[in-house]
N, C-alpha and C. Protein backbone atom coordinates (compact mmCIF):
# COMPACT_ATOMS: atom_id res chain seq x y z
N MET A 1 47.22 75.41 0.46
CA MET A 1 46.19 75.19 -0.64
C MET A 1 45.56 76.51 -0.92
N LYS A 2 45.46 76.91 -2.27
CA LYS A 2 44.83 78.19 -2.53
C LYS A 2 43.36 77.96 -2.40
N LYS A 3 42.58 78.99 -2.12
CA LYS A 3 41.12 78.84 -2.07
C LYS A 3 40.48 78.98 -3.46
N GLY A 4 39.51 78.24 -3.70
CA GLY A 4 38.84 78.24 -4.99
C GLY A 4 37.35 78.46 -4.81
N GLY A 5 36.54 77.65 -5.47
CA GLY A 5 35.09 77.65 -5.46
C GLY A 5 34.49 77.18 -4.24
N LYS A 6 33.18 76.91 -4.25
CA LYS A 6 32.56 76.33 -3.05
C LYS A 6 32.69 74.90 -2.95
N LEU A 7 32.53 74.39 -1.65
CA LEU A 7 32.62 73.04 -1.37
C LEU A 7 31.36 72.54 -0.82
N ILE A 8 30.82 71.46 -1.30
CA ILE A 8 29.57 70.96 -0.76
C ILE A 8 29.68 69.56 -0.44
N ILE A 9 29.46 69.23 0.87
CA ILE A 9 29.72 67.91 1.37
C ILE A 9 28.43 67.19 1.72
N PHE A 10 28.27 65.99 1.22
CA PHE A 10 27.14 65.13 1.69
C PHE A 10 27.81 63.93 2.46
N SER A 11 27.42 63.82 3.67
CA SER A 11 27.91 62.70 4.58
C SER A 11 26.72 61.96 5.17
N ALA A 12 27.02 60.74 5.47
CA ALA A 12 25.93 59.86 6.03
C ALA A 12 26.44 58.47 6.24
N PRO A 13 25.80 57.75 7.13
CA PRO A 13 26.10 56.31 7.17
C PRO A 13 25.90 55.59 5.90
N SER A 14 26.63 54.55 5.73
CA SER A 14 26.53 53.76 4.41
C SER A 14 25.06 53.27 4.28
N GLY A 15 24.52 53.49 3.04
CA GLY A 15 23.10 53.05 2.78
C GLY A 15 22.12 54.18 3.05
N SER A 16 22.47 55.33 3.42
CA SER A 16 21.57 56.37 3.64
C SER A 16 21.01 57.07 2.30
N GLY A 17 21.64 56.87 1.22
CA GLY A 17 21.13 57.39 0.03
C GLY A 17 22.00 58.67 -0.46
N LYS A 18 23.16 58.97 0.25
CA LYS A 18 23.90 60.10 -0.20
C LYS A 18 24.44 60.06 -1.55
N THR A 19 24.92 58.82 -1.98
CA THR A 19 25.48 58.78 -3.29
C THR A 19 24.42 58.98 -4.42
N THR A 20 23.11 58.53 -4.24
CA THR A 20 22.11 58.76 -5.11
C THR A 20 21.85 60.24 -5.17
N ILE A 21 21.71 60.84 -4.10
CA ILE A 21 21.50 62.36 -4.12
C ILE A 21 22.66 63.13 -4.84
N VAL A 22 23.96 62.78 -4.53
CA VAL A 22 25.11 63.37 -5.16
C VAL A 22 25.03 63.24 -6.67
N LYS A 23 24.63 62.01 -7.05
CA LYS A 23 24.68 61.79 -8.52
C LYS A 23 23.61 62.62 -9.27
N HIS A 24 22.39 62.68 -8.58
CA HIS A 24 21.31 63.54 -9.13
C HIS A 24 21.79 65.08 -9.21
N LEU A 25 22.50 65.57 -8.20
CA LEU A 25 22.87 66.96 -8.22
C LEU A 25 23.88 67.23 -9.37
N LEU A 26 24.80 66.24 -9.51
CA LEU A 26 25.75 66.38 -10.64
C LEU A 26 25.21 66.35 -12.00
N GLU A 27 24.02 65.94 -12.11
CA GLU A 27 23.37 65.94 -13.45
C GLU A 27 22.70 67.34 -13.74
N GLN A 28 22.68 68.16 -12.76
CA GLN A 28 22.02 69.47 -13.03
C GLN A 28 23.20 70.49 -13.42
N PRO A 29 23.25 70.89 -14.73
CA PRO A 29 24.35 71.68 -15.20
C PRO A 29 24.35 73.13 -14.60
N GLU A 30 23.27 73.66 -14.12
CA GLU A 30 23.26 75.05 -13.54
C GLU A 30 23.99 75.11 -12.22
N LEU A 31 24.15 74.09 -11.63
CA LEU A 31 24.81 74.02 -10.24
C LEU A 31 26.30 74.07 -10.44
N ASN A 32 26.86 73.87 -11.59
CA ASN A 32 28.34 73.88 -11.84
C ASN A 32 29.11 73.03 -10.91
N LEU A 33 28.69 71.78 -10.67
CA LEU A 33 29.40 70.92 -9.64
C LEU A 33 30.36 70.00 -10.41
N ALA A 34 31.32 69.67 -9.67
CA ALA A 34 32.20 68.49 -10.08
C ALA A 34 32.60 67.72 -9.01
N PHE A 35 32.67 66.32 -9.17
CA PHE A 35 32.69 65.37 -8.06
C PHE A 35 34.21 65.18 -7.57
N SER A 36 34.42 65.26 -6.34
CA SER A 36 35.77 64.97 -5.82
C SER A 36 35.87 63.50 -5.66
N VAL A 37 36.83 62.86 -6.36
CA VAL A 37 37.13 61.37 -6.35
C VAL A 37 37.96 61.20 -5.26
N SER A 38 37.50 60.26 -4.17
CA SER A 38 38.43 60.04 -3.06
C SER A 38 39.45 58.95 -3.40
N ALA A 39 40.48 58.97 -2.72
CA ALA A 39 41.51 57.89 -2.73
C ALA A 39 41.18 56.78 -1.68
N THR A 40 41.47 55.56 -1.98
CA THR A 40 41.23 54.46 -1.00
C THR A 40 42.22 53.33 -1.15
N SER A 41 42.51 52.68 -0.07
CA SER A 41 43.40 51.46 -0.16
C SER A 41 42.62 50.18 -0.15
N ARG A 42 41.25 50.33 -0.22
CA ARG A 42 40.58 48.98 -0.34
C ARG A 42 40.49 48.51 -1.73
N PRO A 43 40.31 47.25 -1.92
CA PRO A 43 40.17 46.70 -3.29
C PRO A 43 38.92 47.19 -4.05
N ARG A 44 39.03 47.11 -5.31
CA ARG A 44 37.89 47.50 -6.20
C ARG A 44 36.77 46.52 -6.04
N ARG A 45 35.55 47.03 -6.07
CA ARG A 45 34.26 46.18 -6.08
C ARG A 45 33.67 46.25 -7.38
N GLY A 46 33.23 45.15 -7.82
CA GLY A 46 32.38 45.02 -9.08
C GLY A 46 32.97 45.79 -10.32
N LYS A 47 32.21 46.69 -10.83
CA LYS A 47 32.63 47.40 -12.04
C LYS A 47 33.25 48.80 -11.68
N GLU A 48 33.83 49.01 -10.52
CA GLU A 48 34.34 50.25 -10.15
C GLU A 48 35.61 50.54 -11.00
N LYS A 49 35.68 51.86 -11.34
CA LYS A 49 36.87 52.31 -12.32
C LYS A 49 37.70 53.20 -11.65
N GLU A 50 39.01 53.13 -11.88
CA GLU A 50 40.14 53.93 -11.44
C GLU A 50 39.76 55.37 -11.82
N GLY A 51 39.83 56.39 -10.96
CA GLY A 51 39.69 57.75 -11.39
C GLY A 51 38.28 58.18 -11.52
N ILE A 52 37.35 57.25 -11.46
CA ILE A 52 35.93 57.66 -11.62
C ILE A 52 35.18 57.30 -10.27
N ASN A 53 35.32 56.13 -9.70
CA ASN A 53 34.80 55.79 -8.46
C ASN A 53 35.81 56.25 -7.31
N TYR A 54 36.98 55.84 -7.51
CA TYR A 54 38.06 56.05 -6.50
C TYR A 54 39.42 56.06 -7.19
N TYR A 55 40.38 56.69 -6.51
CA TYR A 55 41.82 56.48 -6.86
C TYR A 55 42.26 55.26 -6.03
N PHE A 56 42.43 54.21 -6.58
CA PHE A 56 42.78 52.91 -5.79
C PHE A 56 44.33 52.95 -5.69
N MET A 57 44.81 52.66 -4.46
CA MET A 57 46.16 52.60 -4.24
C MET A 57 46.52 51.60 -3.08
N SER A 58 47.75 51.16 -3.07
CA SER A 58 48.11 50.24 -2.02
C SER A 58 48.16 50.93 -0.63
N ILE A 59 48.18 50.03 0.45
CA ILE A 59 48.20 50.67 1.83
C ILE A 59 49.58 51.53 1.92
N SER A 60 50.76 50.97 1.34
CA SER A 60 51.93 51.64 1.58
C SER A 60 51.96 52.92 0.76
N ALA A 61 51.40 52.92 -0.44
CA ALA A 61 51.31 54.16 -1.24
C ALA A 61 50.39 55.28 -0.51
N PHE A 62 49.38 54.81 0.10
CA PHE A 62 48.29 55.65 0.81
C PHE A 62 49.20 56.26 2.01
N LYS A 63 49.87 55.43 2.74
CA LYS A 63 50.73 55.83 3.95
C LYS A 63 51.76 56.94 3.46
N ASN A 64 52.38 56.67 2.29
CA ASN A 64 53.31 57.68 1.82
C ASN A 64 52.67 59.01 1.49
N HIS A 65 51.49 59.02 0.95
CA HIS A 65 50.68 60.22 0.74
C HIS A 65 50.44 60.96 2.06
N ILE A 66 50.09 60.17 3.19
CA ILE A 66 49.80 60.79 4.41
C ILE A 66 51.14 61.46 4.91
N LYS A 67 52.20 60.73 4.75
CA LYS A 67 53.49 61.32 5.24
C LYS A 67 53.94 62.52 4.54
N ASN A 68 53.69 62.60 3.27
CA ASN A 68 54.01 63.87 2.49
C ASN A 68 52.94 64.99 2.58
N GLY A 69 51.92 64.80 3.44
CA GLY A 69 50.88 65.83 3.63
C GLY A 69 50.08 66.04 2.41
N ASP A 70 49.78 65.02 1.59
CA ASP A 70 49.05 65.24 0.39
C ASP A 70 47.49 65.23 0.53
N PHE A 71 47.05 64.87 1.74
CA PHE A 71 45.64 64.80 1.85
C PHE A 71 45.03 65.99 2.52
N LEU A 72 43.86 66.45 2.07
CA LEU A 72 43.03 67.44 2.70
C LEU A 72 42.46 66.86 4.05
N GLU A 73 42.06 65.56 3.91
CA GLU A 73 41.57 64.74 5.01
C GLU A 73 41.78 63.27 4.68
N TRP A 74 41.89 62.46 5.76
CA TRP A 74 41.94 61.13 5.53
C TRP A 74 41.60 60.39 6.87
N GLU A 75 41.27 59.14 6.64
CA GLU A 75 40.75 58.33 7.78
C GLU A 75 41.09 56.76 7.55
N GLU A 76 41.39 56.10 8.64
CA GLU A 76 41.34 54.61 8.53
C GLU A 76 39.98 54.19 8.97
N VAL A 77 39.08 53.99 7.96
CA VAL A 77 37.64 53.79 8.35
C VAL A 77 37.53 52.46 8.99
N TYR A 78 38.07 51.49 8.48
CA TYR A 78 38.28 50.10 9.12
C TYR A 78 39.65 49.68 9.00
N ARG A 79 40.05 48.67 9.73
CA ARG A 79 41.52 48.24 9.78
C ARG A 79 42.10 48.15 8.32
N ASP A 80 43.19 48.85 8.08
CA ASP A 80 43.83 48.84 6.81
C ASP A 80 43.01 49.29 5.66
N ASN A 81 41.86 49.95 5.90
CA ASN A 81 40.98 50.43 4.92
C ASN A 81 40.93 51.85 5.04
N PHE A 82 41.87 52.64 4.20
CA PHE A 82 42.02 54.02 4.27
C PHE A 82 41.21 54.67 3.25
N TYR A 83 40.61 55.81 3.59
CA TYR A 83 40.04 56.75 2.52
C TYR A 83 40.53 58.13 2.71
N GLY A 84 40.58 58.92 1.69
CA GLY A 84 41.09 60.31 1.85
C GLY A 84 40.79 61.12 0.54
N THR A 85 40.88 62.45 0.79
CA THR A 85 40.71 63.43 -0.18
C THR A 85 42.07 64.08 -0.54
N LEU A 86 42.48 63.83 -1.71
CA LEU A 86 43.83 64.49 -2.20
C LEU A 86 43.67 65.88 -2.41
N LYS A 87 44.57 66.75 -1.90
CA LYS A 87 44.50 68.22 -2.15
C LYS A 87 44.54 68.51 -3.64
N SER A 88 45.32 67.62 -4.35
CA SER A 88 45.51 67.90 -5.79
C SER A 88 44.18 67.76 -6.64
N GLU A 89 43.31 66.83 -6.02
CA GLU A 89 41.97 66.64 -6.64
C GLU A 89 41.16 67.80 -6.59
N VAL A 90 41.06 68.41 -5.36
CA VAL A 90 40.26 69.62 -5.16
C VAL A 90 40.83 70.78 -5.92
N GLU A 91 42.18 70.87 -5.99
CA GLU A 91 42.73 72.01 -6.67
C GLU A 91 42.50 71.87 -8.26
N ARG A 92 42.49 70.67 -8.71
CA ARG A 92 42.27 70.39 -10.21
C ARG A 92 40.86 70.80 -10.49
N LEU A 93 39.91 70.54 -9.66
CA LEU A 93 38.39 70.86 -9.85
C LEU A 93 38.31 72.47 -9.83
N TRP A 94 38.92 72.99 -8.82
CA TRP A 94 38.88 74.44 -8.67
C TRP A 94 39.40 75.21 -9.83
N ALA A 95 40.50 74.62 -10.44
CA ALA A 95 41.14 75.22 -11.52
C ALA A 95 40.16 75.23 -12.77
N GLU A 96 39.32 74.30 -12.81
CA GLU A 96 38.36 74.22 -13.91
C GLU A 96 37.09 75.11 -13.60
N GLY A 97 37.19 75.87 -12.52
CA GLY A 97 36.07 76.85 -12.18
C GLY A 97 34.90 76.23 -11.61
N LYS A 98 34.95 75.00 -11.01
CA LYS A 98 33.86 74.26 -10.52
C LYS A 98 33.70 74.45 -9.05
N ASN A 99 32.49 74.18 -8.49
CA ASN A 99 32.13 74.00 -7.17
C ASN A 99 32.34 72.53 -6.93
N VAL A 100 33.03 72.14 -5.85
CA VAL A 100 33.32 70.66 -5.59
C VAL A 100 32.31 70.08 -4.65
N ILE A 101 31.82 68.85 -5.04
CA ILE A 101 30.88 68.09 -4.24
C ILE A 101 31.49 66.76 -3.76
N PHE A 102 31.29 66.56 -2.47
CA PHE A 102 31.80 65.38 -1.91
C PHE A 102 30.82 64.38 -1.47
N ASP A 103 31.04 63.09 -1.75
CA ASP A 103 30.23 62.05 -1.13
C ASP A 103 31.24 61.38 -0.19
N ILE A 104 31.08 61.71 1.09
CA ILE A 104 32.25 61.40 2.05
C ILE A 104 31.70 61.00 3.33
N ASP A 105 32.54 60.15 4.06
CA ASP A 105 32.14 59.83 5.40
C ASP A 105 32.07 60.95 6.34
N VAL A 106 31.39 60.75 7.59
CA VAL A 106 31.15 61.84 8.47
C VAL A 106 32.37 62.48 8.95
N VAL A 107 33.33 61.84 9.37
CA VAL A 107 34.59 62.35 9.88
C VAL A 107 35.30 63.29 8.97
N GLY A 108 35.47 62.75 7.74
CA GLY A 108 36.10 63.38 6.67
C GLY A 108 35.38 64.75 6.33
N GLY A 109 34.08 64.63 6.23
CA GLY A 109 33.17 65.81 5.94
C GLY A 109 33.37 66.94 6.94
N LEU A 110 33.45 66.45 8.20
CA LEU A 110 33.57 67.55 9.31
C LEU A 110 34.95 68.11 9.24
N ARG A 111 36.00 67.37 8.82
CA ARG A 111 37.40 67.96 8.80
C ARG A 111 37.45 68.91 7.72
N ILE A 112 36.83 68.63 6.65
CA ILE A 112 36.89 69.67 5.48
C ILE A 112 36.14 70.98 5.97
N LYS A 113 34.96 70.78 6.54
CA LYS A 113 34.24 71.93 7.00
C LYS A 113 35.06 72.77 7.94
N LYS A 114 35.83 72.09 8.78
CA LYS A 114 36.68 72.78 9.74
C LYS A 114 37.81 73.60 9.10
N LYS A 115 38.35 73.03 7.87
CA LYS A 115 39.41 73.74 7.22
C LYS A 115 39.02 74.84 6.41
N PHE A 116 37.69 74.70 5.86
CA PHE A 116 37.22 75.80 4.97
C PHE A 116 35.82 76.22 5.55
N PRO A 117 35.73 76.67 6.63
CA PRO A 117 34.44 76.96 7.25
C PRO A 117 33.53 77.86 6.41
N ASP A 118 34.17 78.97 5.76
CA ASP A 118 33.40 79.98 5.08
C ASP A 118 32.94 79.59 3.76
N GLN A 119 33.51 78.48 3.14
CA GLN A 119 33.10 78.21 1.81
C GLN A 119 32.57 76.81 1.57
N THR A 120 32.21 76.14 2.79
CA THR A 120 31.73 74.75 2.87
C THR A 120 30.23 74.66 3.39
N LEU A 121 29.43 73.93 2.60
CA LEU A 121 28.03 73.60 3.05
C LEU A 121 28.15 72.17 3.35
N ALA A 122 27.89 71.80 4.53
CA ALA A 122 28.02 70.40 5.07
C ALA A 122 26.67 69.86 5.36
N VAL A 123 26.27 68.79 4.63
CA VAL A 123 24.89 68.23 4.64
C VAL A 123 24.88 66.91 5.12
N PHE A 124 24.07 66.47 6.18
CA PHE A 124 24.05 65.23 6.63
C PHE A 124 22.74 64.54 6.09
N VAL A 125 22.84 63.36 5.55
CA VAL A 125 21.67 62.69 5.08
C VAL A 125 21.29 61.52 6.13
N LYS A 126 20.04 61.75 6.63
CA LYS A 126 19.67 60.92 7.65
C LYS A 126 18.63 59.80 7.18
N PRO A 127 18.99 58.60 7.47
CA PRO A 127 18.04 57.45 7.04
C PRO A 127 16.91 57.25 7.95
N PRO A 128 15.79 56.61 7.50
CA PRO A 128 14.69 56.57 8.43
C PRO A 128 14.95 55.93 9.74
N SER A 129 15.92 54.86 9.78
CA SER A 129 16.20 54.19 10.98
C SER A 129 17.49 53.25 10.74
N VAL A 130 18.05 52.86 11.67
CA VAL A 130 19.31 51.98 11.61
C VAL A 130 18.79 50.64 10.95
N ASP A 131 17.56 50.17 11.37
CA ASP A 131 17.06 48.89 10.76
C ASP A 131 16.87 49.02 9.32
N GLU A 132 16.40 50.17 8.90
CA GLU A 132 16.17 50.39 7.41
C GLU A 132 17.51 50.38 6.67
N LEU A 133 18.48 51.03 7.38
CA LEU A 133 19.93 50.91 6.80
C LEU A 133 20.37 49.55 6.49
N LYS A 134 20.20 48.63 7.56
CA LYS A 134 20.51 47.26 7.46
C LYS A 134 19.87 46.54 6.26
N ILE A 135 18.62 46.80 6.02
CA ILE A 135 17.91 46.25 4.88
C ILE A 135 18.38 46.83 3.61
N ARG A 136 18.73 48.03 3.60
CA ARG A 136 19.30 48.63 2.26
C ARG A 136 20.66 48.05 2.01
N LEU A 137 21.59 47.90 3.01
CA LEU A 137 22.81 47.28 2.70
C LEU A 137 22.81 45.85 2.29
N LYS A 138 21.96 45.13 2.95
CA LYS A 138 21.68 43.72 2.47
C LYS A 138 21.19 43.55 1.07
N LYS A 139 20.31 44.53 0.64
CA LYS A 139 19.84 44.59 -0.85
C LYS A 139 21.00 44.72 -1.73
N ARG A 140 22.06 45.49 -1.37
CA ARG A 140 23.09 45.77 -2.36
C ARG A 140 23.90 44.47 -2.69
N SER A 141 23.89 43.51 -1.67
CA SER A 141 24.58 42.29 -1.98
C SER A 141 26.10 42.46 -2.36
N THR A 142 26.72 43.40 -1.79
CA THR A 142 28.11 43.68 -2.14
C THR A 142 29.05 43.26 -1.00
N GLU A 143 28.50 43.02 0.18
CA GLU A 143 29.46 42.76 1.30
C GLU A 143 28.90 41.64 2.13
N SER A 144 29.69 41.01 2.93
CA SER A 144 29.46 40.01 3.81
C SER A 144 28.54 40.51 5.00
N ASP A 145 27.94 39.53 5.68
CA ASP A 145 27.06 39.96 6.82
C ASP A 145 27.98 40.66 7.93
N ASP A 146 29.18 40.14 8.13
CA ASP A 146 30.14 40.85 9.10
C ASP A 146 30.42 42.25 8.75
N LYS A 147 30.64 42.48 7.43
CA LYS A 147 30.98 43.87 7.02
C LYS A 147 29.65 44.78 7.22
N ILE A 148 28.60 44.15 6.92
CA ILE A 148 27.29 44.85 7.08
C ILE A 148 27.07 45.26 8.51
N ASN A 149 27.26 44.35 9.44
CA ASN A 149 27.14 44.51 10.86
C ASN A 149 28.15 45.65 11.41
N MET A 150 29.36 45.68 10.81
CA MET A 150 30.35 46.71 11.13
C MET A 150 29.78 48.11 10.79
N ARG A 151 29.25 48.12 9.51
CA ARG A 151 28.70 49.43 9.07
C ARG A 151 27.45 49.84 9.87
N VAL A 152 26.64 48.95 10.24
CA VAL A 152 25.47 49.30 11.04
C VAL A 152 25.90 49.77 12.45
N ALA A 153 26.94 49.09 13.07
CA ALA A 153 27.43 49.57 14.34
C ALA A 153 28.00 50.98 14.34
N LYS A 154 28.78 51.22 13.15
CA LYS A 154 29.25 52.50 12.90
C LYS A 154 28.25 53.57 12.72
N ALA A 155 27.20 53.20 12.11
CA ALA A 155 26.12 54.21 11.80
C ALA A 155 25.49 54.79 12.97
N SER A 156 25.34 54.00 14.08
CA SER A 156 24.79 54.62 15.29
C SER A 156 25.64 55.79 15.77
N VAL A 157 26.98 55.60 15.78
CA VAL A 157 27.93 56.59 16.13
C VAL A 157 27.81 57.83 15.23
N GLU A 158 27.74 57.57 13.97
CA GLU A 158 27.72 58.58 12.88
C GLU A 158 26.44 59.47 13.02
N LEU A 159 25.27 58.85 13.34
CA LEU A 159 24.06 59.58 13.42
C LEU A 159 24.12 60.52 14.66
N ALA A 160 24.98 60.38 15.54
CA ALA A 160 25.13 61.33 16.72
C ALA A 160 25.78 62.53 16.20
N THR A 161 26.49 62.52 15.11
CA THR A 161 27.31 63.71 14.63
C THR A 161 26.30 64.73 13.84
N ALA A 162 25.14 64.30 13.49
CA ALA A 162 24.24 65.05 12.65
C ALA A 162 24.14 66.52 13.07
N PRO A 163 24.10 66.92 14.42
CA PRO A 163 23.92 68.34 14.73
C PRO A 163 25.13 69.11 14.46
N GLN A 164 26.29 68.54 14.13
CA GLN A 164 27.48 69.39 13.71
C GLN A 164 27.42 69.78 12.27
N PHE A 165 26.48 69.32 11.47
CA PHE A 165 26.43 69.72 10.11
C PHE A 165 25.43 70.89 9.98
N ASP A 166 25.72 71.62 8.82
CA ASP A 166 24.92 72.90 8.52
C ASP A 166 23.45 72.55 8.38
N LYS A 167 23.18 71.32 7.79
CA LYS A 167 21.84 70.92 7.40
C LYS A 167 21.68 69.44 7.46
N VAL A 168 20.49 69.03 7.93
CA VAL A 168 20.15 67.51 7.99
C VAL A 168 19.02 67.32 6.95
N ILE A 169 19.28 66.48 6.09
CA ILE A 169 18.07 66.11 5.14
C ILE A 169 17.67 64.68 5.43
N LYS A 170 16.46 64.42 5.78
CA LYS A 170 15.92 63.12 6.04
C LYS A 170 15.47 62.41 4.81
N ASN A 171 16.15 61.33 4.55
CA ASN A 171 15.84 60.61 3.37
C ASN A 171 14.87 59.42 3.61
N TYR A 172 13.57 59.85 4.04
CA TYR A 172 12.59 58.88 4.22
C TYR A 172 11.80 58.64 2.87
N ASP A 173 11.82 59.57 1.99
CA ASP A 173 11.20 59.55 0.72
C ASP A 173 12.14 60.16 -0.25
N LEU A 174 12.67 59.40 -1.29
CA LEU A 174 13.86 59.81 -2.09
C LEU A 174 13.60 61.04 -2.86
N GLU A 175 12.41 61.12 -3.46
CA GLU A 175 11.97 62.19 -4.39
C GLU A 175 11.93 63.56 -3.57
N VAL A 176 11.50 63.52 -2.27
CA VAL A 176 11.56 64.66 -1.36
C VAL A 176 12.98 65.08 -1.06
N ALA A 177 13.77 64.09 -0.75
CA ALA A 177 15.11 64.29 -0.28
C ALA A 177 15.95 64.97 -1.59
N LEU A 178 15.65 64.46 -2.74
CA LEU A 178 16.31 64.97 -3.93
C LEU A 178 15.99 66.37 -4.17
N ALA A 179 14.65 66.69 -4.02
CA ALA A 179 14.19 68.13 -4.29
C ALA A 179 14.69 69.07 -3.21
N GLU A 180 14.79 68.56 -1.88
CA GLU A 180 15.28 69.39 -0.74
C GLU A 180 16.84 69.74 -1.04
N SER A 181 17.50 68.68 -1.48
CA SER A 181 18.97 68.82 -1.72
C SER A 181 19.23 69.73 -2.76
N TYR A 182 18.47 69.72 -3.87
CA TYR A 182 18.67 70.49 -4.99
C TYR A 182 18.41 72.05 -4.63
N LYS A 183 17.36 72.27 -3.97
CA LYS A 183 17.05 73.63 -3.54
C LYS A 183 18.16 74.30 -2.67
N LEU A 184 18.55 73.42 -1.77
CA LEU A 184 19.63 73.84 -0.78
C LEU A 184 20.96 74.09 -1.53
N VAL A 185 21.39 73.28 -2.37
CA VAL A 185 22.64 73.50 -3.16
C VAL A 185 22.56 74.68 -4.09
N ALA A 186 21.37 74.83 -4.75
CA ALA A 186 21.10 75.84 -5.75
C ALA A 186 21.27 77.13 -5.03
N ASN A 187 20.60 77.23 -3.82
CA ASN A 187 20.61 78.53 -3.07
C ASN A 187 22.12 78.87 -2.70
N TYR A 188 22.89 77.85 -2.29
CA TYR A 188 24.13 78.03 -1.72
C TYR A 188 25.25 78.45 -2.82
N VAL A 189 25.02 77.94 -3.96
CA VAL A 189 25.95 78.26 -5.00
C VAL A 189 25.41 79.45 -5.92
N GLY A 190 24.21 79.84 -5.67
CA GLY A 190 23.63 81.05 -6.29
C GLY A 190 23.20 80.71 -7.69
N ALA A 191 22.63 79.47 -7.99
CA ALA A 191 22.22 78.96 -9.31
C ALA A 191 20.71 79.48 -9.50
N LYS A 192 20.45 79.72 -10.66
CA LYS A 192 18.96 80.03 -11.04
C LYS A 192 18.22 78.76 -10.97
N VAL A 193 17.25 78.69 -10.07
CA VAL A 193 16.48 77.39 -9.92
C VAL A 193 15.47 77.31 -11.03
N SER A 194 15.49 76.15 -11.68
CA SER A 194 14.48 75.93 -12.73
C SER A 194 13.10 75.62 -12.20
N ASN A 195 11.98 75.99 -12.76
CA ASN A 195 10.63 75.86 -12.32
C ASN A 195 10.29 74.45 -11.98
N LYS A 196 10.78 73.38 -12.79
CA LYS A 196 10.52 72.07 -12.67
C LYS A 196 10.93 71.58 -11.31
N GLU A 197 12.09 72.09 -10.81
CA GLU A 197 12.55 71.64 -9.50
C GLU A 197 11.87 72.37 -8.34
N GLU A 198 11.26 73.54 -8.71
CA GLU A 198 10.56 74.22 -7.55
C GLU A 198 9.30 73.69 -7.23
N GLU A 199 8.79 72.92 -8.22
CA GLU A 199 7.26 72.52 -8.11
C GLU A 199 7.15 71.41 -6.91
């Protein structure tokens, strides 16, 4: 893979608020960010769209991509539930002159950081507590109690990886977390910070 722009990773247990933070950052044009859409073998949920939320593929198609070395990173997050970042996706965004931002699980985030240590900012979003995570996941009403319990169990393991990231942002208050994330990314990509965000 040819090297391109900067890579910004936001990782966290499910329900920590990383997706909300990433969406907010993508709306700030001065950061020159583009979102890396992950590939997954899981079925679509709700109104999810191909190529916007994920690249949806069958388990066999995903395994073929693994065999061909098409992924920058991939993981079997749950049984037969694969997620990964296609090299072609990152190269496409770099070709557009963009810095690439990821909303990605902890293992994948650390793998990318390891491959591109000098051009990656890896941020861990920390929830107030595991109990609070469970409440947030239940409020979503998108998954069964079993799935939620699996995610909560996984969260305890993921929280232990926080020290391996460049920066930990505590999402106890969303407005504060958004402002901190903006400042961090703006400094990293060398963007001119607007006064409204600095206040």
